[in-house]
Amino acid sequence: MTLSLNQQSQLLCYQVSGITLGSDVPLAELSPMDGLDPADGWDLRVRFLPESTQPLCPSSWFLTLALPDEEPWLSCADLEEQALLGGKPGYLLRVHDLADFLVDRQGTDIVALANHETPPETLHHILLNQVLPLVLNLRGQDALHATAVLTPQGVCAFAGPAGVGKSTLAASFLIAGYPAISDDCLVLKEREGRIVAVPGYPGLRLWDDIAKSLSLDPDHLSSVAHYTAKHRLLLPDQRQAFPTEPLPLTRLYILSPPESLEDRDEAAAIRLRPFHPRQAFMEILSCLFRLDIRDKTMLARQFCFIERLVAQVPVRQLSIPQTVSALPAVRDAILADLLHEA
């Protein structure tokens, strides 16, 4: 969609995960870009509108993601030509009881229709951390459900199931002076024959008890959303020092819980082992975001990308104790591993 100069000048411009995003409301999680000429436009435009008096009722849903209690969380359906998308077809992403997000098929336009009881910070969190990763996939980018930090040897990423400790581990690196460059969504690209990681945006999301265990300053924590006890960690000067250019990906660690109950409180339970390429392929496949699971071209693209990723970047299985006291030992084991050639 081509915007008039007047429409463009009303948008705030942000850089996130390698794209330029224009929003008609401020997004506190992101830092506005300075010096952008409105005539240059944006890669992705987002508009926030009141909840429609005529709710969208698609005939069927092609994807539903559920919570651990099996309650539906996010559902996706096709949309025919939609006036709110300038007459273009697209997708409806419904976050149940909270908001609807309309996305055109090119991934250039998002319209957020919020439930009137959904707080703005919750809506922004859902946009950036639930909807945007799916839209990035729609735009042809490969986004991994992973958290990543920058070390002197390059970027190392932590993937794995929810609750295994990806953000907690990254927070221990951040506190020790290693910048966090993504939380839960890491865009990967190929550049000059190497796999590179594209920084997302500053901040890590941590459970309240983890934040307390790490003795974090409450002034550096803010609420993520009204439905979760997680807080967003943003250290002073983290915005100013946040990198924006792609960085070489050195390691991918697939995190897993301790292998036995006896290991849960033992630092000795830290186990690092290489994955067989076939096993690494399947693990990475399960961690990639995808919006339209029926898109065979997209799936083929992801398969080819994973093959190149596994061939170029060492993938390790990392089993870690579920205790904050073990984090320094886990961090040391990772840093030692990064010093060794694959």
C-alpha atoms as a PDB file:
ATOM      1  CA  MET A   1       0.000   0.000   0.000  1.00  0.00           C
ATOM      2  CA  THR A   2       1.365   3.421  -0.979  1.00  0.00           C
ATOM      3  CA  LEU A   3       0.838   6.033   1.715  1.00  0.00           C
ATOM      4  CA  SER A   4       0.486   9.731   1.147  1.00  0.00           C
ATOM      5  CA  LEU A   5       3.139  11.958   2.697  1.00  0.00           C
ATOM      6  CA  ASN A   6       0.563  13.205   5.220  1.00  0.00           C
ATOM      7  CA  GLN A   7      -0.306   9.636   6.246  1.00  0.00           C
ATOM      8  CA  GLN A   8       3.350   8.650   6.466  1.00  0.00           C
ATOM      9  CA  SER A   9       4.298  11.636   8.622  1.00  0.00           C
ATOM     10  CA  GLN A  10       1.788  10.505  11.255  1.00  0.00           C
ATOM     11  CA  LEU A  11       3.583   7.198  11.757  1.00  0.00           C
ATOM     12  CA  LEU A  12       6.432   6.497  14.145  1.00  0.00           C
ATOM     13  CA  CYS A  13       9.287   4.514  12.646  1.00  0.00           C
ATOM     14  CA  TYR A  14      11.124   1.650  14.347  1.00  0.00           C
ATOM     15  CA  GLN A  15      13.699  -0.958  13.352  1.00  0.00           C
ATOM     16  CA  VAL A  16      13.048  -4.475  14.614  1.00  0.00           C
ATOM     17  CA  SER A  17      14.374  -7.846  13.417  1.00  0.00           C
ATOM     18  CA  GLY A  18      15.853  -6.302  10.296  1.00  0.00           C
ATOM     19  CA  ILE A  19      12.726  -4.519   9.043  1.00  0.00           C
ATOM     20  CA  THR A  20      11.454  -0.962   9.311  1.00  0.00           C
ATOM     21  CA  LEU A  21       8.098  -0.822  11.063  1.00  0.00           C
ATOM     22  CA  GLY A  22       5.745   2.154  10.957  1.00  0.00           C
ATOM     23  CA  SER A  23       3.165   2.441  13.747  1.00  0.00           C
ATOM     24  CA  ASP A  24       0.393   4.961  14.332  1.00  0.00           C
ATOM     25  CA  VAL A  25       0.915   4.687  18.131  1.00  0.00           C
ATOM     26  CA  PRO A  26       4.137   4.737  20.188  1.00  0.00           C
ATOM     27  CA  LEU A  27       5.616   1.317  20.991  1.00  0.00           C
ATOM     28  CA  ALA A  28       7.480   1.683  24.287  1.00  0.00           C
ATOM     29  CA  GLU A  29       9.421  -1.549  23.726  1.00  0.00           C
ATOM     30  CA  LEU A  30      11.151  -0.083  20.646  1.00  0.00           C
ATOM     31  CA  SER A  31      13.330   2.970  20.038  1.00  0.00           C
ATOM     32  CA  PRO A  32      12.162   5.356  17.284  1.00  0.00           C
ATOM     33  CA  MET A  33      14.499   5.739  14.322  1.00  0.00           C
ATOM     34  CA  ASP A  34      15.885   9.236  13.887  1.00  0.00           C
ATOM     35  CA  GLY A  35      16.495  10.950  10.585  1.00  0.00           C
ATOM     36  CA  LEU A  36      14.178   8.858   8.393  1.00  0.00           C
ATOM     37  CA  ASP A  37      12.509  10.800   5.599  1.00  0.00           C
ATOM     38  CA  PRO A  38       8.763   9.927   5.673  1.00  0.00           C
ATOM     39  CA  ALA A  39       8.845   9.726   1.878  1.00  0.00           C
ATOM     40  CA  ASP A  40      11.166   6.697   2.177  1.00  0.00           C
ATOM     41  CA  GLY A  41       8.299   4.620   3.545  1.00  0.00           C
ATOM     42  CA  TRP A  42       8.345   1.476   5.676  1.00  0.00           C
ATOM     43  CA  ASP A  43       8.604  -2.265   5.162  1.00  0.00           C
ATOM     44  CA  LEU A  44       5.632  -2.974   7.418  1.00  0.00           C
ATOM     45  CA  ARG A  45       2.854  -0.698   8.591  1.00  0.00           C
ATOM     46  CA  VAL A  46       0.835  -1.327  11.736  1.00  0.00           C
ATOM     47  CA  ARG A  47      -2.448   0.392  12.634  1.00  0.00           C
ATOM     48  CA  PHE A  48      -4.359   0.099  15.898  1.00  0.00           C
ATOM     49  CA  LEU A  49      -8.146   0.398  15.646  1.00  0.00           C
ATOM     50  CA  PRO A  50     -11.027  -0.108  18.088  1.00  0.00           C
ATOM     51  CA  GLU A  51     -12.710  -3.489  18.186  1.00  0.00           C
ATOM     52  CA  SER A  52     -15.123  -3.864  15.290  1.00  0.00           C
ATOM     53  CA  THR A  53     -18.875  -3.763  16.018  1.00  0.00           C
ATOM     54  CA  GLN A  54     -19.188  -6.507  13.381  1.00  0.00           C
ATOM     55  CA  PRO A  55     -16.714  -9.224  14.442  1.00  0.00           C
ATOM     56  CA  LEU A  56     -15.034 -11.203  11.703  1.00  0.00           C
ATOM     57  CA  CYS A  57     -16.408 -14.738  11.541  1.00  0.00           C
ATOM     58  CA  PRO A  58     -14.360 -16.896   9.167  1.00  0.00           C
ATOM     59  CA  SER A  59     -15.888 -20.160   8.040  1.00  0.00           C
ATOM     60  CA  SER A  60     -12.882 -22.190   9.172  1.00  0.00           C
ATOM     61  CA  TRP A  61      -9.485 -21.934  10.849  1.00  0.00           C
ATOM     62  CA  PHE A  62      -6.417 -23.584   9.330  1.00  0.00           C
ATOM     63  CA  LEU A  63      -4.215 -23.295  12.448  1.00  0.00           C
ATOM     64  CA  THR A  64      -4.861 -23.134  16.190  1.00  0.00           C
ATOM     65  CA  LEU A  65      -2.117 -22.891  18.815  1.00  0.00           C
ATOM     66  CA  ALA A  66      -3.154 -23.933  22.314  1.00  0.00           C
ATOM     67  CA  LEU A  67      -1.991 -23.168  25.846  1.00  0.00           C
ATOM     68  CA  PRO A  68      -0.680 -25.970  28.111  1.00  0.00           C
ATOM     69  CA  ASP A  69      -4.227 -26.411  29.478  1.00  0.00           C
ATOM     70  CA  GLU A  70      -5.391 -26.942  25.856  1.00  0.00           C
ATOM     71  CA  GLU A  71      -7.329 -23.681  25.762  1.00  0.00           C
ATOM     72  CA  PRO A  72      -6.965 -22.050  22.315  1.00  0.00           C
ATOM     73  CA  TRP A  73      -4.523 -19.150  22.289  1.00  0.00           C
ATOM     74  CA  LEU A  74      -3.964 -18.067  18.683  1.00  0.00           C
ATOM     75  CA  SER A  75      -5.947 -19.128  15.617  1.00  0.00           C
ATOM     76  CA  CYS A  76      -5.380 -18.305  11.933  1.00  0.00           C
ATOM     77  CA  ALA A  77      -7.878 -18.115   9.085  1.00  0.00           C
ATOM     78  CA  ASP A  78      -7.988 -16.870   5.502  1.00  0.00           C
ATOM     79  CA  LEU A  79      -9.587 -13.523   4.679  1.00  0.00           C
ATOM     80  CA  GLU A  80     -11.144 -12.594   1.371  1.00  0.00           C
ATOM     81  CA  GLU A  81     -10.780  -9.028   0.101  1.00  0.00           C
ATOM     82  CA  GLN A  82     -10.824  -6.930   3.276  1.00  0.00           C
ATOM     83  CA  ALA A  83     -11.666  -3.216   3.360  1.00  0.00           C
ATOM     84  CA  LEU A  84      -9.373  -2.612   6.343  1.00  0.00           C
ATOM     85  CA  LEU A  85      -6.492  -3.962   4.237  1.00  0.00           C
ATOM     86  CA  GLY A  86      -7.299  -1.710   1.302  1.00  0.00           C
ATOM     87  CA  GLY A  87      -9.412  -4.353  -0.422  1.00  0.00           C
ATOM     88  CA  LYS A  88      -6.617  -6.949  -0.356  1.00  0.00           C
ATOM     89  CA  PRO A  89      -6.989 -10.565   0.800  1.00  0.00           C
ATOM     90  CA  GLY A  90      -5.026 -11.688   3.821  1.00  0.00           C
ATOM     91  CA  TYR A  91      -5.082 -13.564   7.081  1.00  0.00           C
ATOM     92  CA  LEU A  92      -6.924 -13.189  10.372  1.00  0.00           C
ATOM     93  CA  LEU A  93      -4.822 -13.935  13.466  1.00  0.00           C
ATOM     94  CA  ARG A  94      -7.097 -14.127  16.495  1.00  0.00           C
ATOM     95  CA  VAL A  95      -5.593 -14.046  19.965  1.00  0.00           C
ATOM     96  CA  HIS A  96      -8.606 -15.329  21.818  1.00  0.00           C
ATOM     97  CA  ASP A  97     -10.445 -12.846  24.064  1.00  0.00           C
ATOM     98  CA  LEU A  98      -7.718 -10.242  23.528  1.00  0.00           C
ATOM     99  CA  ALA A  99      -7.403  -8.994  19.930  1.00  0.00           C
ATOM    100  CA  ASP A 100      -7.697  -9.686  16.203  1.00  0.00           C
ATOM    101  CA  PHE A 101      -4.829  -8.959  13.818  1.00  0.00           C
ATOM    102  CA  LEU A 102      -5.453  -8.632  10.085  1.00  0.00           C
ATOM    103  CA  VAL A 103      -2.412  -9.192   7.860  1.00  0.00           C
ATOM    104  CA  ASP A 104      -2.219  -8.815   4.084  1.00  0.00           C
ATOM    105  CA  ARG A 105      -0.681 -11.734   2.175  1.00  0.00           C
ATOM    106  CA  GLN A 106       2.537  -9.840   1.402  1.00  0.00           C
ATOM    107  CA  GLY A 107       3.156  -9.090   5.082  1.00  0.00           C
ATOM    108  CA  THR A 108       3.264  -5.327   4.545  1.00  0.00           C
ATOM    109  CA  ASP A 109       0.156  -4.230   6.449  1.00  0.00           C
ATOM    110  CA  ILE A 110      -1.142  -5.179   9.912  1.00  0.00           C
ATOM    111  CA  VAL A 111      -4.381  -3.927  11.443  1.00  0.00           C
ATOM    112  CA  ALA A 112      -4.853  -4.595  15.163  1.00  0.00           C
ATOM    113  CA  LEU A 113      -8.434  -4.703  16.462  1.00  0.00           C
ATOM    114  CA  ALA A 114      -8.234  -4.760  20.236  1.00  0.00           C
ATOM    115  CA  ASN A 115     -10.787  -6.003  22.683  1.00  0.00           C
ATOM    116  CA  HIS A 116     -11.817  -2.909  24.672  1.00  0.00           C
ATOM    117  CA  GLU A 117     -10.567  -4.578  27.888  1.00  0.00           C
ATOM    118  CA  THR A 118      -7.086  -5.344  26.525  1.00  0.00           C
ATOM    119  CA  PRO A 119      -4.460  -2.930  27.954  1.00  0.00           C
ATOM    120  CA  PRO A 120      -2.142  -1.233  25.422  1.00  0.00           C
ATOM    121  CA  GLU A 121       1.010  -2.881  26.812  1.00  0.00           C
ATOM    122  CA  THR A 122      -0.608  -6.308  26.356  1.00  0.00           C
ATOM    123  CA  LEU A 123      -1.598  -5.491  22.781  1.00  0.00           C
ATOM    124  CA  HIS A 124       1.926  -4.284  21.951  1.00  0.00           C
ATOM    125  CA  HIS A 125       3.465  -7.404  23.519  1.00  0.00           C
ATOM    126  CA  ILE A 126       1.233  -9.677  21.436  1.00  0.00           C
ATOM    127  CA  LEU A 127       2.057  -7.726  18.289  1.00  0.00           C
ATOM    128  CA  LEU A 128       5.833  -7.863  18.752  1.00  0.00           C
ATOM    129  CA  ASN A 129       6.223 -11.327  20.224  1.00  0.00           C
ATOM    130  CA  GLN A 130       3.347 -13.393  18.842  1.00  0.00           C
ATOM    131  CA  VAL A 131       2.212 -11.795  15.583  1.00  0.00           C
ATOM    132  CA  LEU A 132       5.394 -10.242  14.180  1.00  0.00           C
ATOM    133  CA  PRO A 133       7.372 -13.537  14.082  1.00  0.00           C
ATOM    134  CA  LEU A 134       4.589 -15.082  11.968  1.00  0.00           C
ATOM    135  CA  VAL A 135       4.513 -12.051   9.671  1.00  0.00           C
ATOM    136  CA  LEU A 136       8.289 -12.263   9.240  1.00  0.00           C
ATOM    137  CA  ASN A 137       7.794 -15.836   8.028  1.00  0.00           C
ATOM    138  CA  LEU A 138       5.123 -14.589   5.624  1.00  0.00           C
ATOM    139  CA  ARG A 139       7.640 -12.057   4.285  1.00  0.00           C
ATOM    140  CA  GLY A 140      10.073 -14.851   3.399  1.00  0.00           C
ATOM    141  CA  GLN A 141      12.352 -14.606   6.422  1.00  0.00           C
ATOM    142  CA  ASP A 142      13.409 -17.514   8.602  1.00  0.00           C
ATOM    143  CA  ALA A 143      12.635 -16.710  12.230  1.00  0.00           C
ATOM    144  CA  LEU A 144      13.707 -19.120  14.953  1.00  0.00           C
ATOM    145  CA  HIS A 145      12.000 -19.412  18.337  1.00  0.00           C
ATOM    146  CA  ALA A 146      15.279 -18.649  20.105  1.00  0.00           C
ATOM    147  CA  THR A 147      16.998 -16.194  22.407  1.00  0.00           C
ATOM    148  CA  ALA A 148      20.503 -15.004  21.521  1.00  0.00           C
ATOM    149  CA  VAL A 149      23.488 -13.217  23.057  1.00  0.00           C
ATOM    150  CA  LEU A 150      26.612 -11.662  21.573  1.00  0.00           C
ATOM    151  CA  THR A 151      30.007 -12.978  22.682  1.00  0.00           C
ATOM    152  CA  PRO A 152      33.552 -12.167  21.482  1.00  0.00           C
ATOM    153  CA  GLN A 153      33.329 -15.338  19.335  1.00  0.00           C
ATOM    154  CA  GLY A 154      30.044 -14.283  17.725  1.00  0.00           C
ATOM    155  CA  VAL A 155      26.373 -14.853  18.429  1.00  0.00           C
ATOM    156  CA  CYS A 156      25.214 -17.944  20.273  1.00  0.00           C
ATOM    157  CA  ALA A 157      21.510 -18.779  20.251  1.00  0.00           C
ATOM    158  CA  PHE A 158      19.419 -20.781  22.717  1.00  0.00           C
ATOM    159  CA  ALA A 159      16.411 -22.680  21.375  1.00  0.00           C
ATOM    160  CA  GLY A 160      14.111 -25.231  22.964  1.00  0.00           C
ATOM    161  CA  PRO A 161      10.622 -25.652  24.410  1.00  0.00           C
ATOM    162  CA  ALA A 162       8.889 -22.938  26.419  1.00  0.00           C
ATOM    163  CA  GLY A 163       9.958 -22.780  30.051  1.00  0.00           C
ATOM    164  CA  VAL A 164      13.317 -24.510  29.600  1.00  0.00           C
ATOM    165  CA  GLY A 165      15.271 -21.363  30.552  1.00  0.00           C
ATOM    166  CA  LYS A 166      16.286 -19.592  27.327  1.00  0.00           C
ATOM    167  CA  SER A 167      15.648 -16.050  28.580  1.00  0.00           C
ATOM    168  CA  THR A 168      16.994 -16.824  32.059  1.00  0.00           C
ATOM    169  CA  LEU A 169      20.273 -18.062  30.590  1.00  0.00           C
ATOM    170  CA  ALA A 170      20.493 -15.008  28.330  1.00  0.00           C
ATOM    171  CA  ALA A 171      19.880 -12.769  31.361  1.00  0.00           C
ATOM    172  CA  SER A 172      22.876 -14.311  33.124  1.00  0.00           C
ATOM    173  CA  PHE A 173      25.000 -13.481  30.050  1.00  0.00           C
ATOM    174  CA  LEU A 174      23.584  -9.948  29.949  1.00  0.00           C
ATOM    175  CA  ILE A 175      24.370  -9.318  33.615  1.00  0.00           C
ATOM    176  CA  ALA A 176      27.919 -10.590  32.977  1.00  0.00           C
ATOM    177  CA  GLY A 177      28.370  -8.046  30.175  1.00  0.00           C
ATOM    178  CA  TYR A 178      27.343  -9.984  27.062  1.00  0.00           C
ATOM    179  CA  PRO A 179      24.562  -8.162  25.149  1.00  0.00           C
ATOM    180  CA  ALA A 180      21.285  -9.943  24.469  1.00  0.00           C
ATOM    181  CA  ILE A 181      20.213  -9.400  20.859  1.00  0.00           C
ATOM    182  CA  SER A 182      16.884 -11.257  20.753  1.00  0.00           C
ATOM    183  CA  ASP A 183      14.319 -12.863  23.006  1.00  0.00           C
ATOM    184  CA  ASP A 184      12.202 -15.712  21.617  1.00  0.00           C
ATOM    185  CA  CYS A 185      12.438 -14.576  17.975  1.00  0.00           C
ATOM    186  CA  LEU A 186      15.738 -14.637  16.092  1.00  0.00           C
ATOM    187  CA  VAL A 187      15.835 -13.921  12.361  1.00  0.00           C
ATOM    188  CA  LEU A 188      18.574 -15.814  10.532  1.00  0.00           C
ATOM    189  CA  LYS A 189      19.930 -14.986   7.078  1.00  0.00           C
ATOM    190  CA  GLU A 190      22.723 -16.001   4.753  1.00  0.00           C
ATOM    191  CA  ARG A 191      25.285 -13.342   3.909  1.00  0.00           C
ATOM    192  CA  GLU A 192      28.485 -13.959   1.940  1.00  0.00           C
ATOM    193  CA  GLY A 193      28.305 -17.679   2.579  1.00  0.00           C
ATOM    194  CA  ARG A 194      27.734 -17.372   6.334  1.00  0.00           C
ATOM    195  CA  ILE A 195      24.690 -17.670   8.570  1.00  0.00           C
ATOM    196  CA  VAL A 196      24.107 -14.384  10.382  1.00  0.00           C
ATOM    197  CA  ALA A 197      21.756 -13.427  13.215  1.00  0.00           C
ATOM    198  CA  VAL A 198      19.630 -10.298  12.873  1.00  0.00           C
ATOM    199  CA  PRO A 199      19.141  -8.427  16.184  1.00  0.00           C
ATOM    200  CA  GLY A 200      15.522  -8.124  17.303  1.00  0.00           C
ATOM    201  CA  TYR A 201      15.008  -5.411  19.911  1.00  0.00           C
ATOM    202  CA  PRO A 202      16.373  -4.732  23.428  1.00  0.00           C
ATOM    203  CA  GLY A 203      15.008  -6.470  26.490  1.00  0.00           C
ATOM    204  CA  LEU A 204      14.423  -9.922  27.954  1.00  0.00           C
ATOM    205  CA  ARG A 205      11.230 -11.294  29.485  1.00  0.00           C
ATOM    206  CA  LEU A 206      11.683 -13.039  32.829  1.00  0.00           C
ATOM    207  CA  TRP A 207       9.365 -14.601  35.368  1.00  0.00           C
ATOM    208  CA  ASP A 208       8.998 -12.574  38.550  1.00  0.00           C
ATOM    209  CA  ASP A 209      10.674 -15.204  40.747  1.00  0.00           C
ATOM    210  CA  ILE A 210      13.648 -15.438  38.358  1.00  0.00           C
ATOM    211  CA  ALA A 211      14.065 -11.654  38.380  1.00  0.00           C
ATOM    212  CA  LYS A 212      14.119 -11.709  42.183  1.00  0.00           C
ATOM    213  CA  SER A 213      16.577 -14.626  42.279  1.00  0.00           C
ATOM    214  CA  LEU A 214      18.933 -12.688  39.995  1.00  0.00           C
ATOM    215  CA  SER A 215      18.656  -9.666  42.375  1.00  0.00           C
ATOM    216  CA  LEU A 216      17.684  -7.385  39.502  1.00  0.00           C
ATOM    217  CA  ASP A 217      16.957  -3.742  40.206  1.00  0.00           C
ATOM    218  CA  PRO A 218      13.153  -3.242  40.083  1.00  0.00           C
ATOM    219  CA  ASP A 219      13.770   0.039  38.244  1.00  0.00           C
ATOM    220  CA  HIS A 220      15.059  -2.024  35.293  1.00  0.00           C
ATOM    221  CA  LEU A 221      11.891  -4.134  35.121  1.00  0.00           C
ATOM    222  CA  SER A 222       8.527  -3.343  33.559  1.00  0.00           C
ATOM    223  CA  SER A 223       5.280  -5.250  33.057  1.00  0.00           C
ATOM    224  CA  VAL A 224       5.006  -7.389  29.928  1.00  0.00           C
ATOM    225  CA  ALA A 225       1.245  -7.988  29.801  1.00  0.00           C
ATOM    226  CA  HIS A 226      -1.661  -8.094  32.200  1.00  0.00           C
ATOM    227  CA  TYR A 227      -2.103 -11.872  31.906  1.00  0.00           C
ATOM    228  CA  THR A 228       1.443 -12.905  32.884  1.00  0.00           C
ATOM    229  CA  ALA A 229       3.776 -12.535  35.856  1.00  0.00           C
ATOM    230  CA  LYS A 230       6.707 -11.955  33.528  1.00  0.00           C
ATOM    231  CA  HIS A 231       8.657  -8.694  33.589  1.00  0.00           C
ATOM    232  CA  ARG A 232      10.733  -7.116  30.863  1.00  0.00           C
ATOM    233  CA  LEU A 233      14.381  -6.523  31.762  1.00  0.00           C
ATOM    234  CA  LEU A 234      16.020  -3.506  30.148  1.00  0.00           C
ATOM    235  CA  LEU A 235      19.341  -2.387  31.615  1.00  0.00           C
ATOM    236  CA  PRO A 236      20.525   1.242  31.445  1.00  0.00           C
ATOM    237  CA  ASP A 237      22.083   2.196  28.089  1.00  0.00           C
ATOM    238  CA  GLN A 238      20.943  -1.105  26.573  1.00  0.00           C
ATOM    239  CA  ARG A 239      18.954   0.731  23.909  1.00  0.00           C
ATOM    240  CA  GLN A 240      21.885   2.933  22.873  1.00  0.00           C
ATOM    241  CA  ALA A 241      24.324   0.013  22.704  1.00  0.00           C
ATOM    242  CA  PHE A 242      21.932  -2.331  20.910  1.00  0.00           C
ATOM    243  CA  PRO A 243      23.365  -3.558  17.574  1.00  0.00           C
ATOM    244  CA  THR A 244      21.255  -3.296  14.428  1.00  0.00           C
ATOM    245  CA  GLU A 245      23.455  -4.965  11.797  1.00  0.00           C
ATOM    246  CA  PRO A 246      23.485  -8.770  11.256  1.00  0.00           C
ATOM    247  CA  LEU A 247      26.170 -10.655  13.202  1.00  0.00           C
ATOM    248  CA  PRO A 248      27.794 -14.063  12.558  1.00  0.00           C
ATOM    249  CA  LEU A 249      26.025 -16.982  14.245  1.00  0.00           C
ATOM    250  CA  THR A 250      28.661 -19.165  15.939  1.00  0.00           C
ATOM    251  CA  ARG A 251      26.615 -21.765  17.848  1.00  0.00           C
ATOM    252  CA  LEU A 252      23.053 -22.942  18.251  1.00  0.00           C
ATOM    253  CA  TYR A 253      22.269 -24.637  21.559  1.00  0.00           C
ATOM    254  CA  ILE A 254      19.092 -26.694  21.933  1.00  0.00           C
ATOM    255  CA  LEU A 255      18.254 -26.538  25.640  1.00  0.00           C
ATOM    256  CA  SER A 256      16.693 -29.428  27.497  1.00  0.00           C
ATOM    257  CA  PRO A 257      15.794 -30.043  31.154  1.00  0.00           C
ATOM    258  CA  PRO A 258      17.998 -32.237  33.367  1.00  0.00           C
ATOM    259  CA  GLU A 259      18.000 -35.861  32.329  1.00  0.00           C
ATOM    260  CA  SER A 260      17.037 -37.144  35.784  1.00  0.00           C
ATOM    261  CA  LEU A 261      15.491 -35.830  38.980  1.00  0.00           C
ATOM    262  CA  GLU A 262      18.807 -36.321  40.751  1.00  0.00           C
ATOM    263  CA  ASP A 263      20.468 -33.877  38.349  1.00  0.00           C
ATOM    264  CA  ARG A 264      18.158 -30.940  38.959  1.00  0.00           C
ATOM    265  CA  ASP A 265      20.230 -29.312  41.683  1.00  0.00           C
ATOM    266  CA  GLU A 266      23.687 -30.326  40.541  1.00  0.00           C
ATOM    267  CA  ALA A 267      25.985 -28.075  38.529  1.00  0.00           C
ATOM    268  CA  ALA A 268      27.631 -31.305  37.378  1.00  0.00           C
ATOM    269  CA  ALA A 269      24.423 -32.008  35.454  1.00  0.00           C
ATOM    270  CA  ILE A 270      25.512 -29.577  32.722  1.00  0.00           C
ATOM    271  CA  ARG A 271      25.857 -31.694  29.603  1.00  0.00           C
ATOM    272  CA  LEU A 272      26.996 -30.447  26.194  1.00  0.00           C
ATOM    273  CA  ARG A 273      26.997 -32.838  23.266  1.00  0.00           C
ATOM    274  CA  PRO A 274      26.856 -32.439  19.489  1.00  0.00           C
ATOM    275  CA  PHE A 275      23.704 -33.295  17.572  1.00  0.00           C
ATOM    276  CA  HIS A 276      23.724 -35.658  14.640  1.00  0.00           C
ATOM    277  CA  PRO A 277      22.835 -33.505  11.586  1.00  0.00           C
ATOM    278  CA  ARG A 278      19.547 -35.354  11.046  1.00  0.00           C
ATOM    279  CA  GLN A 279      18.524 -34.864  14.665  1.00  0.00           C
ATOM    280  CA  ALA A 280      19.610 -31.212  14.556  1.00  0.00           C
ATOM    281  CA  PHE A 281      17.477 -30.746  11.423  1.00  0.00           C
ATOM    282  CA  MET A 282      14.346 -32.001  13.199  1.00  0.00           C
ATOM    283  CA  GLU A 283      15.004 -29.923  16.329  1.00  0.00           C
ATOM    284  CA  ILE A 284      15.430 -26.718  14.306  1.00  0.00           C
ATOM    285  CA  LEU A 285      12.369 -27.485  12.181  1.00  0.00           C
ATOM    286  CA  SER A 286      10.238 -27.607  15.341  1.00  0.00           C
ATOM    287  CA  CYS A 287      11.583 -24.195  16.432  1.00  0.00           C
ATOM    288  CA  LEU A 288      10.871 -22.211  13.248  1.00  0.00           C
ATOM    289  CA  PHE A 289       7.920 -19.839  13.060  1.00  0.00           C
ATOM    290  CA  ARG A 290       5.473 -20.364  10.199  1.00  0.00           C
ATOM    291  CA  LEU A 291       2.142 -18.699   9.551  1.00  0.00           C
ATOM    292  CA  ASP A 292       0.528 -20.555   6.651  1.00  0.00           C
ATOM    293  CA  ILE A 293       1.422 -24.185   7.270  1.00  0.00           C
ATOM    294  CA  ARG A 294      -0.235 -25.101   3.931  1.00  0.00           C
ATOM    295  CA  ASP A 295       2.343 -23.124   1.936  1.00  0.00           C
ATOM    296  CA  LYS A 296       4.506 -25.809   0.321  1.00  0.00           C
ATOM    297  CA  THR A 297       6.883 -23.273  -1.204  1.00  0.00           C
ATOM    298  CA  MET A 298       7.572 -21.791   2.226  1.00  0.00           C
ATOM    299  CA  LEU A 299       8.104 -25.234   3.749  1.00  0.00           C
ATOM    300  CA  ALA A 300      10.548 -26.184   0.996  1.00  0.00           C
ATOM    301  CA  ARG A 301      12.421 -22.919   1.580  1.00  0.00           C
ATOM    302  CA  GLN A 302      12.671 -23.663   5.303  1.00  0.00           C
ATOM    303  CA  PHE A 303      13.925 -27.212   4.667  1.00  0.00           C
ATOM    304  CA  CYS A 304      16.671 -25.943   2.369  1.00  0.00           C
ATOM    305  CA  PHE A 305      17.662 -23.238   4.828  1.00  0.00           C
ATOM    306  CA  ILE A 306      17.893 -25.698   7.724  1.00  0.00           C
ATOM    307  CA  GLU A 307      20.174 -27.928   5.652  1.00  0.00           C
ATOM    308  CA  ARG A 308      22.539 -25.018   5.072  1.00  0.00           C
ATOM    309  CA  LEU A 309      22.302 -23.908   8.708  1.00  0.00           C
ATOM    310  CA  VAL A 310      23.211 -27.366  10.027  1.00  0.00           C
ATOM    311  CA  ALA A 311      26.102 -27.572   7.555  1.00  0.00           C
ATOM    312  CA  GLN A 312      27.567 -24.223   8.603  1.00  0.00           C
ATOM    313  CA  VAL A 313      26.785 -23.768  12.320  1.00  0.00           C
ATOM    314  CA  PRO A 314      27.558 -26.314  15.068  1.00  0.00           C
ATOM    315  CA  VAL A 315      24.391 -27.365  16.895  1.00  0.00           C
ATOM    316  CA  ARG A 316      24.744 -28.618  20.464  1.00  0.00           C
ATOM    317  CA  GLN A 317      22.353 -30.257  22.872  1.00  0.00           C
ATOM    318  CA  LEU A 318      22.646 -28.493  26.228  1.00  0.00           C
ATOM    319  CA  SER A 319      21.135 -30.042  29.337  1.00  0.00           C
ATOM    320  CA  ILE A 320      21.129 -27.629  32.274  1.00  0.00           C
ATOM    321  CA  PRO A 321      20.060 -27.678  35.933  1.00  0.00           C
ATOM    322  CA  GLN A 322      16.902 -25.704  36.680  1.00  0.00           C
ATOM    323  CA  THR A 323      18.517 -23.541  39.372  1.00  0.00           C
ATOM    324  CA  VAL A 324      19.708 -19.952  39.253  1.00  0.00           C
ATOM    325  CA  SER A 325      22.806 -20.869  41.267  1.00  0.00           C
ATOM    326  CA  ALA A 326      24.019 -23.061  38.373  1.00  0.00           C
ATOM    327  CA  LEU A 327      23.868 -20.246  35.792  1.00  0.00           C
ATOM    328  CA  PRO A 328      27.530 -19.112  36.158  1.00  0.00           C
ATOM    329  CA  ALA A 329      28.728 -22.667  35.595  1.00  0.00           C
ATOM    330  CA  VAL A 330      26.449 -23.040  32.560  1.00  0.00           C
ATOM    331  CA  ARG A 331      27.732 -19.744  31.177  1.00  0.00           C
ATOM    332  CA  ASP A 332      31.366 -20.828  31.659  1.00  0.00           C
ATOM    333  CA  ALA A 333      30.699 -24.138  29.899  1.00  0.00           C
ATOM    334  CA  ILE A 334      29.214 -22.312  26.906  1.00  0.00           C
ATOM    335  CA  LEU A 335      32.057 -19.790  26.708  1.00  0.00           C
ATOM    336  CA  ALA A 336      34.587 -22.627  26.849  1.00  0.00           C
ATOM    337  CA  ASP A 337      32.753 -24.448  24.083  1.00  0.00           C
ATOM    338  CA  LEU A 338      32.787 -21.326  21.901  1.00  0.00           C
ATOM    339  CA  LEU A 339      36.582 -21.214  22.102  1.00  0.00           C
ATOM    340  CA  HIS A 340      36.885 -24.635  20.491  1.00  0.00           C
ATOM    341  CA  GLU A 341      36.624 -25.177  16.771  1.00  0.00           C
ATOM    342  CA  ALA A 342      33.699 -27.355  15.740  1.00  0.00           C
END
